[in-house]
Amino acid sequence: MDPVGLRGPGTGSQYRITVIGPGVTPDIVWQGPGLHPFDPGNPVDLQLEQEGNALLDELAASERGCKRH
């Protein structure tokens, strides 16, 4: 462990997202392969980050509590 208690990036081998539905609606689950470590010198990684940030901005536009990335 780092002397100040910080950990490195959480680059996993797989990712899972679970969305809980209202009432008795079934939960929705997605699982997929993990990403490679982000490389700021890789144009493909930069494009993916920009697209993800744009989507986050769009989804959070009406939420006052959401902060910019």
PDB file of N, CA and C in Angstrom:
ATOM      1  N   MET A   1       0.841  -1.184   0.000  1.00  0.00           N
ATOM      2  CA  MET A   1       0.000   0.000   0.000  1.00  0.00           C
ATOM      3  C   MET A   1       0.885   1.246   0.000  1.00  0.00           C
ATOM      4  N   ASP A   2       0.418   2.246  -0.665  1.00  0.00           N
ATOM      5  CA  ASP A   2       1.103   3.540  -0.723  1.00  0.00           C
ATOM      6  C   ASP A   2       1.209   4.129   0.685  1.00  0.00           C
ATOM      7  N   PRO A   3       2.322   4.798   1.013  1.00  0.00           N
ATOM      8  CA  PRO A   3       2.490   5.354   2.356  1.00  0.00           C
ATOM      9  C   PRO A   3       1.378   6.301   2.802  1.00  0.00           C
ATOM     10  N   VAL A   4       0.747   6.998   1.879  1.00  0.00           N
ATOM     11  CA  VAL A   4      -0.335   7.917   2.259  1.00  0.00           C
ATOM     12  C   VAL A   4      -1.714   7.265   2.141  1.00  0.00           C
ATOM     13  N   GLY A   5      -1.762   5.982   1.824  1.00  0.00           N
ATOM     14  CA  GLY A   5      -3.024   5.257   1.771  1.00  0.00           C
ATOM     15  C   GLY A   5      -3.779   5.367   0.471  1.00  0.00           C
ATOM     16  N   LEU A   6      -3.149   5.848  -0.594  1.00  0.00           N
ATOM     17  CA  LEU A   6      -3.825   5.966  -1.886  1.00  0.00           C
ATOM     18  C   LEU A   6      -3.559   4.726  -2.718  1.00  0.00           C
ATOM     19  N   ARG A   7      -4.500   4.381  -3.552  1.00  0.00           N
ATOM     20  CA  ARG A   7      -4.329   3.254  -4.452  1.00  0.00           C
ATOM     21  C   ARG A   7      -4.217   3.751  -5.878  1.00  0.00           C
ATOM     22  N   GLY A   8      -3.668   2.930  -6.723  1.00  0.00           N
ATOM     23  CA  GLY A   8      -3.569   3.252  -8.139  1.00  0.00           C
ATOM     24  C   GLY A   8      -4.906   3.085  -8.836  1.00  0.00           C
ATOM     25  N   PRO A   9      -4.925   3.225 -10.162  1.00  0.00           N
ATOM     26  CA  PRO A   9      -6.177   3.107 -10.905  1.00  0.00           C
ATOM     27  C   PRO A   9      -6.765   1.702 -10.799  1.00  0.00           C
ATOM     28  N   GLY A  10      -8.069   1.628 -10.794  1.00  0.00           N
ATOM     29  CA  GLY A  10      -8.757   0.334 -10.710  1.00  0.00           C
ATOM     30  C   GLY A  10      -9.007  -0.245 -12.083  1.00  0.00           C
ATOM     31  N   THR A  11      -7.967  -0.723 -12.722  1.00  0.00           N
ATOM     32  CA  THR A  11      -8.099  -1.330 -14.041  1.00  0.00           C
ATOM     33  C   THR A  11      -8.434  -2.802 -13.842  1.00  0.00           C
ATOM     34  N   GLY A  12      -9.699  -3.147 -14.013  1.00  0.00           N
ATOM     35  CA  GLY A  12     -10.142  -4.517 -13.778  1.00  0.00           C
ATOM     36  C   GLY A  12     -10.131  -5.341 -15.047  1.00  0.00           C
ATOM     37  N   SER A  13     -10.257  -6.648 -14.860  1.00  0.00           N
ATOM     38  CA  SER A  13     -10.309  -7.536 -16.024  1.00  0.00           C
ATOM     39  C   SER A  13     -11.722  -7.595 -16.600  1.00  0.00           C
ATOM     40  N   GLN A  14     -12.725  -7.275 -15.773  1.00  0.00           N
ATOM     41  CA  GLN A  14     -14.103  -7.218 -16.238  1.00  0.00           C
ATOM     42  C   GLN A  14     -14.834  -6.122 -15.471  1.00  0.00           C
ATOM     43  N   TYR A  15     -15.903  -5.620 -16.078  1.00  0.00           N
ATOM     44  CA  TYR A  15     -16.743  -4.615 -15.437  1.00  0.00           C
ATOM     45  C   TYR A  15     -18.182  -5.103 -15.440  1.00  0.00           C
ATOM     46  N   ARG A  16     -18.939  -4.651 -14.433  1.00  0.00           N
ATOM     47  CA  ARG A  16     -20.338  -5.045 -14.339  1.00  0.00           C
ATOM     48  C   ARG A  16     -21.147  -3.828 -13.907  1.00  0.00           C
ATOM     49  N   ILE A  17     -22.290  -3.644 -14.529  1.00  0.00           N
ATOM     50  CA  ILE A  17     -23.220  -2.573 -14.172  1.00  0.00           C
ATOM     51  C   ILE A  17     -24.565  -3.229 -13.870  1.00  0.00           C
ATOM     52  N   THR A  18     -25.168  -2.827 -12.758  1.00  0.00           N
ATOM     53  CA  THR A  18     -26.491  -3.318 -12.388  1.00  0.00           C
ATOM     54  C   THR A  18     -27.401  -2.118 -12.175  1.00  0.00           C
ATOM     55  N   VAL A  19     -28.575  -2.139 -12.814  1.00  0.00           N
ATOM     56  CA  VAL A  19     -29.568  -1.076 -12.659  1.00  0.00           C
ATOM     57  C   VAL A  19     -30.795  -1.696 -12.013  1.00  0.00           C
ATOM     58  N   ILE A  20     -31.174  -1.143 -10.873  1.00  0.00           N
ATOM     59  CA  ILE A  20     -32.318  -1.658 -10.140  1.00  0.00           C
ATOM     60  C   ILE A  20     -33.580  -0.980 -10.646  1.00  0.00           C
ATOM     61  N   GLY A  21     -34.558  -1.780 -11.007  1.00  0.00           N
ATOM     62  CA  GLY A  21     -35.812  -1.245 -11.514  1.00  0.00           C
ATOM     63  C   GLY A  21     -36.787  -0.940 -10.394  1.00  0.00           C
ATOM     64  N   PRO A  22     -37.851  -0.186 -10.694  1.00  0.00           N
ATOM     65  CA  PRO A  22     -38.849   0.144  -9.679  1.00  0.00           C
ATOM     66  C   PRO A  22     -39.754  -1.055  -9.374  1.00  0.00           C
ATOM     67  N   GLY A  23     -40.186  -1.145  -8.128  1.00  0.00           N
ATOM     68  CA  GLY A  23     -41.131  -2.196  -7.747  1.00  0.00           C
ATOM     69  C   GLY A  23     -40.591  -3.588  -8.033  1.00  0.00           C
ATOM     70  N   VAL A  24     -41.374  -4.363  -8.774  1.00  0.00           N
ATOM     71  CA  VAL A  24     -40.976  -5.739  -9.075  1.00  0.00           C
ATOM     72  C   VAL A  24     -40.320  -5.866 -10.457  1.00  0.00           C
ATOM     73  N   THR A  25     -39.985  -4.725 -11.064  1.00  0.00           N
ATOM     74  CA  THR A  25     -39.302  -4.753 -12.359  1.00  0.00           C
ATOM     75  C   THR A  25     -37.968  -5.477 -12.215  1.00  0.00           C
ATOM     76  N   PRO A  26     -37.625  -6.354 -13.133  1.00  0.00           N
ATOM     77  CA  PRO A  26     -36.346  -7.062 -13.017  1.00  0.00           C
ATOM     78  C   PRO A  26     -35.151  -6.098 -13.097  1.00  0.00           C
ATOM     79  N   ASP A  27     -34.095  -6.447 -12.394  1.00  0.00           N
ATOM     80  CA  ASP A  27     -32.859  -5.684 -12.490  1.00  0.00           C
ATOM     81  C   ASP A  27     -32.224  -5.942 -13.848  1.00  0.00           C
ATOM     82  N   ILE A  28     -31.537  -4.928 -14.369  1.00  0.00           N
ATOM     83  CA  ILE A  28     -30.833  -5.059 -15.649  1.00  0.00           C
ATOM     84  C   ILE A  28     -29.347  -5.149 -15.332  1.00  0.00           C
ATOM     85  N   VAL A  29     -28.672  -6.119 -15.931  1.00  0.00           N
ATOM     86  CA  VAL A  29     -27.250  -6.333 -15.659  1.00  0.00           C
ATOM     87  C   VAL A  29     -26.489  -6.366 -16.972  1.00  0.00           C
ATOM     88  N   TRP A  30     -25.348  -5.693 -16.989  1.00  0.00           N
ATOM     89  CA  TRP A  30     -24.424  -5.744 -18.134  1.00  0.00           C
ATOM     90  C   TRP A  30     -23.055  -6.114 -17.591  1.00  0.00           C
ATOM     91  N   GLN A  31     -22.358  -6.983 -18.296  1.00  0.00           N
ATOM     92  CA  GLN A  31     -20.987  -7.332 -17.924  1.00  0.00           C
ATOM     93  C   GLN A  31     -20.159  -7.376 -19.195  1.00  0.00           C
ATOM     94  N   GLY A  32     -18.944  -6.820 -19.122  1.00  0.00           N
ATOM     95  CA  GLY A  32     -18.085  -6.798 -20.303  1.00  0.00           C
ATOM     96  C   GLY A  32     -16.622  -6.778 -19.912  1.00  0.00           C
ATOM     97  N   PRO A  33     -15.771  -6.901 -20.902  1.00  0.00           N
ATOM     98  CA  PRO A  33     -14.334  -6.937 -20.631  1.00  0.00           C
ATOM     99  C   PRO A  33     -13.821  -5.587 -20.142  1.00  0.00           C
ATOM    100  N   GLY A  34     -12.777  -5.628 -19.321  1.00  0.00           N
ATOM    101  CA  GLY A  34     -12.157  -4.414 -18.822  1.00  0.00           C
ATOM    102  C   GLY A  34     -11.366  -3.707 -19.907  1.00  0.00           C
ATOM    103  N   LEU A  35     -11.059  -2.459 -19.658  1.00  0.00           N
ATOM    104  CA  LEU A  35     -10.272  -1.661 -20.588  1.00  0.00           C
ATOM    105  C   LEU A  35      -8.795  -1.740 -20.221  1.00  0.00           C
ATOM    106  N   HIS A  36      -7.958  -1.460 -21.166  1.00  0.00           N
ATOM    107  CA  HIS A  36      -6.528  -1.367 -20.882  1.00  0.00           C
ATOM    108  C   HIS A  36      -6.248  -0.064 -20.136  1.00  0.00           C
ATOM    109  N   PRO A  37      -5.106   0.070 -19.490  1.00  0.00           N
ATOM    110  CA  PRO A  37      -4.809   1.339 -18.807  1.00  0.00           C
ATOM    111  C   PRO A  37      -4.835   2.513 -19.786  1.00  0.00           C
ATOM    112  N   PHE A  38      -5.404   3.624 -19.353  1.00  0.00           N
ATOM    113  CA  PHE A  38      -5.523   4.821 -20.184  1.00  0.00           C
ATOM    114  C   PHE A  38      -4.139   5.357 -20.540  1.00  0.00           C
ATOM    115  N   ASP A  39      -3.956   5.676 -21.817  1.00  0.00           N
ATOM    116  CA  ASP A  39      -2.694   6.241 -22.300  1.00  0.00           C
ATOM    117  C   ASP A  39      -2.996   7.607 -22.908  1.00  0.00           C
ATOM    118  N   PRO A  40      -2.611   8.696 -22.219  1.00  0.00           N
ATOM    119  CA  PRO A  40      -2.919  10.025 -22.740  1.00  0.00           C
ATOM    120  C   PRO A  40      -2.234  10.334 -24.067  1.00  0.00           C
ATOM    121  N   GLY A  41      -1.261   9.535 -24.468  1.00  0.00           N
ATOM    122  CA  GLY A  41      -0.602   9.732 -25.749  1.00  0.00           C
ATOM    123  C   GLY A  41      -1.260   8.964 -26.890  1.00  0.00           C
ATOM    124  N   ASN A  42      -2.292   8.183 -26.579  1.00  0.00           N
ATOM    125  CA  ASN A  42      -2.982   7.370 -27.579  1.00  0.00           C
ATOM    126  C   ASN A  42      -4.225   8.113 -28.061  1.00  0.00           C
ATOM    127  N   PRO A  43      -4.286   8.480 -29.340  1.00  0.00           N
ATOM    128  CA  PRO A  43      -5.449   9.228 -29.854  1.00  0.00           C
ATOM    129  C   PRO A  43      -6.772   8.481 -29.694  1.00  0.00           C
ATOM    130  N   VAL A  44      -6.741   7.156 -29.765  1.00  0.00           N
ATOM    131  CA  VAL A  44      -7.977   6.378 -29.596  1.00  0.00           C
ATOM    132  C   VAL A  44      -8.470   6.504 -28.155  1.00  0.00           C
ATOM    133  N   ASP A  45      -7.564   6.442 -27.180  1.00  0.00           N
ATOM    134  CA  ASP A  45      -7.944   6.613 -25.781  1.00  0.00           C
ATOM    135  C   ASP A  45      -8.497   8.012 -25.535  1.00  0.00           C
ATOM    136  N   LEU A  46      -7.866   9.016 -26.119  1.00  0.00           N
ATOM    137  CA  LEU A  46      -8.328  10.395 -25.951  1.00  0.00           C
ATOM    138  C   LEU A  46      -9.720  10.585 -26.542  1.00  0.00           C
ATOM    139  N   GLN A  47      -9.970  10.003 -27.694  1.00  0.00           N
ATOM    140  CA  GLN A  47     -11.282  10.106 -28.333  1.00  0.00           C
ATOM    141  C   GLN A  47     -12.345   9.427 -27.474  1.00  0.00           C
ATOM    142  N   LEU A  48     -12.030   8.249 -26.943  1.00  0.00           N
ATOM    143  CA  LEU A  48     -12.977   7.530 -26.086  1.00  0.00           C
ATOM    144  C   LEU A  48     -13.292   8.350 -24.840  1.00  0.00           C
ATOM    145  N   GLU A  49     -12.273   8.973 -24.244  1.00  0.00           N
ATOM    146  CA  GLU A  49     -12.496   9.809 -23.067  1.00  0.00           C
ATOM    147  C   GLU A  49     -13.378  11.011 -23.410  1.00  0.00           C
ATOM    148  N   GLN A  50     -13.126  11.669 -24.543  1.00  0.00           N
ATOM    149  CA  GLN A  50     -13.924  12.823 -24.943  1.00  0.00           C
ATOM    150  C   GLN A  50     -15.381  12.437 -25.181  1.00  0.00           C
ATOM    151  N   GLU A  51     -15.606  11.286 -25.822  1.00  0.00           N
ATOM    152  CA  GLU A  51     -16.970  10.820 -26.066  1.00  0.00           C
ATOM    153  C   GLU A  51     -17.676  10.497 -24.747  1.00  0.00           C
ATOM    154  N   GLY A  52     -16.958   9.846 -23.828  1.00  0.00           N
ATOM    155  CA  GLY A  52     -17.538   9.530 -22.525  1.00  0.00           C
ATOM    156  C   GLY A  52     -17.864  10.776 -21.728  1.00  0.00           C
ATOM    157  N   ASN A  53     -16.967  11.766 -21.756  1.00  0.00           N
ATOM    158  CA  ASN A  53     -17.214  13.017 -21.051  1.00  0.00           C
ATOM    159  C   ASN A  53     -18.404  13.762 -21.638  1.00  0.00           C
ATOM    160  N   ALA A  54     -18.541  13.748 -22.962  1.00  0.00           N
ATOM    161  CA  ALA A  54     -19.678  14.410 -23.615  1.00  0.00           C
ATOM    162  C   ALA A  54     -20.986  13.733 -23.221  1.00  0.00           C
ATOM    163  N   LEU A  55     -20.993  12.408 -23.159  1.00  0.00           N
ATOM    164  CA  LEU A  55     -22.189  11.685 -22.750  1.00  0.00           C
ATOM    165  C   LEU A  55     -22.529  11.992 -21.293  1.00  0.00           C
ATOM    166  N   LEU A  56     -21.531  12.012 -20.434  1.00  0.00           N
ATOM    167  CA  LEU A  56     -21.755  12.349 -19.030  1.00  0.00           C
ATOM    168  C   LEU A  56     -22.328  13.756 -18.894  1.00  0.00           C
ATOM    169  N   ASP A  57     -21.771  14.702 -19.643  1.00  0.00           N
ATOM    170  CA  ASP A  57     -22.285  16.080 -19.618  1.00  0.00           C
ATOM    171  C   ASP A  57     -23.751  16.122 -20.041  1.00  0.00           C
ATOM    172  N   GLU A  58     -24.094  15.370 -21.068  1.00  0.00           N
ATOM    173  CA  GLU A  58     -25.475  15.349 -21.569  1.00  0.00           C
ATOM    174  C   GLU A  58     -26.418  14.749 -20.529  1.00  0.00           C
ATOM    175  N   LEU A  59     -26.006  13.644 -19.911  1.00  0.00           N
ATOM    176  CA  LEU A  59     -26.866  12.975 -18.940  1.00  0.00           C
ATOM    177  C   LEU A  59     -27.023  13.794 -17.656  1.00  0.00           C
ATOM    178  N   ALA A  60     -25.996  14.533 -17.279  1.00  0.00           N
ATOM    179  CA  ALA A  60     -26.012  15.269 -16.023  1.00  0.00           C
ATOM    180  C   ALA A  60     -26.399  16.740 -16.198  1.00  0.00           C
ATOM    181  N   ALA A  61     -26.772  17.149 -17.383  1.00  0.00           N
ATOM    182  CA  ALA A  61     -27.028  18.570 -17.657  1.00  0.00           C
ATOM    183  C   ALA A  61     -28.102  19.158 -16.747  1.00  0.00           C
ATOM    184  N   SER A  62     -29.112  18.402 -16.413  1.00  0.00           N
ATOM    185  CA  SER A  62     -30.210  18.942 -15.606  1.00  0.00           C
ATOM    186  C   SER A  62     -30.019  18.687 -14.110  1.00  0.00           C
ATOM    187  N   GLU A  63     -28.936  18.052 -13.723  1.00  0.00           N
ATOM    188  CA  GLU A  63     -28.687  17.738 -12.311  1.00  0.00           C
ATOM    189  C   GLU A  63     -27.788  18.782 -11.680  1.00  0.00           C
ATOM    190  N   ARG A  64     -28.303  19.502 -10.699  1.00  0.00           N
ATOM    191  CA  ARG A  64     -27.513  20.545 -10.045  1.00  0.00           C
ATOM    192  C   ARG A  64     -26.365  19.982  -9.228  1.00  0.00           C
ATOM    193  N   GLY A  65     -26.494  18.777  -8.687  1.00  0.00           N
ATOM    194  CA  GLY A  65     -25.469  18.215  -7.814  1.00  0.00           C
ATOM    195  C   GLY A  65     -24.297  17.584  -8.549  1.00  0.00           C
ATOM    196  N   CYS A  66     -24.414  17.414  -9.855  1.00  0.00           N
ATOM    197  CA  CYS A  66     -23.336  16.760 -10.621  1.00  0.00           C
ATOM    198  C   CYS A  66     -22.225  17.777 -10.910  1.00  0.00           C
ATOM    199  N   LYS A  67     -21.003  17.301 -10.783  1.00  0.00           N
ATOM    200  CA  LYS A  67     -19.851  18.169 -11.044  1.00  0.00           C
ATOM    201  C   LYS A  67     -19.176  17.746 -12.329  1.00  0.00           C
ATOM    202  N   ARG A  68     -18.449  18.686 -12.894  1.00  0.00           N
ATOM    203  CA  ARG A  68     -17.706  18.352 -14.122  1.00  0.00           C
ATOM    204  C   ARG A  68     -16.596  17.386 -13.808  1.00  0.00           C
ATOM    205  N   HIS A  69     -16.261  16.586 -14.767  1.00  0.00           N
ATOM    206  CA  HIS A  69     -15.194  15.594 -14.666  1.00  0.00           C
ATOM    207  C   HIS A  69     -13.847  16.259 -14.618  1.00  0.00           C
TER     208      HIS A  69
END
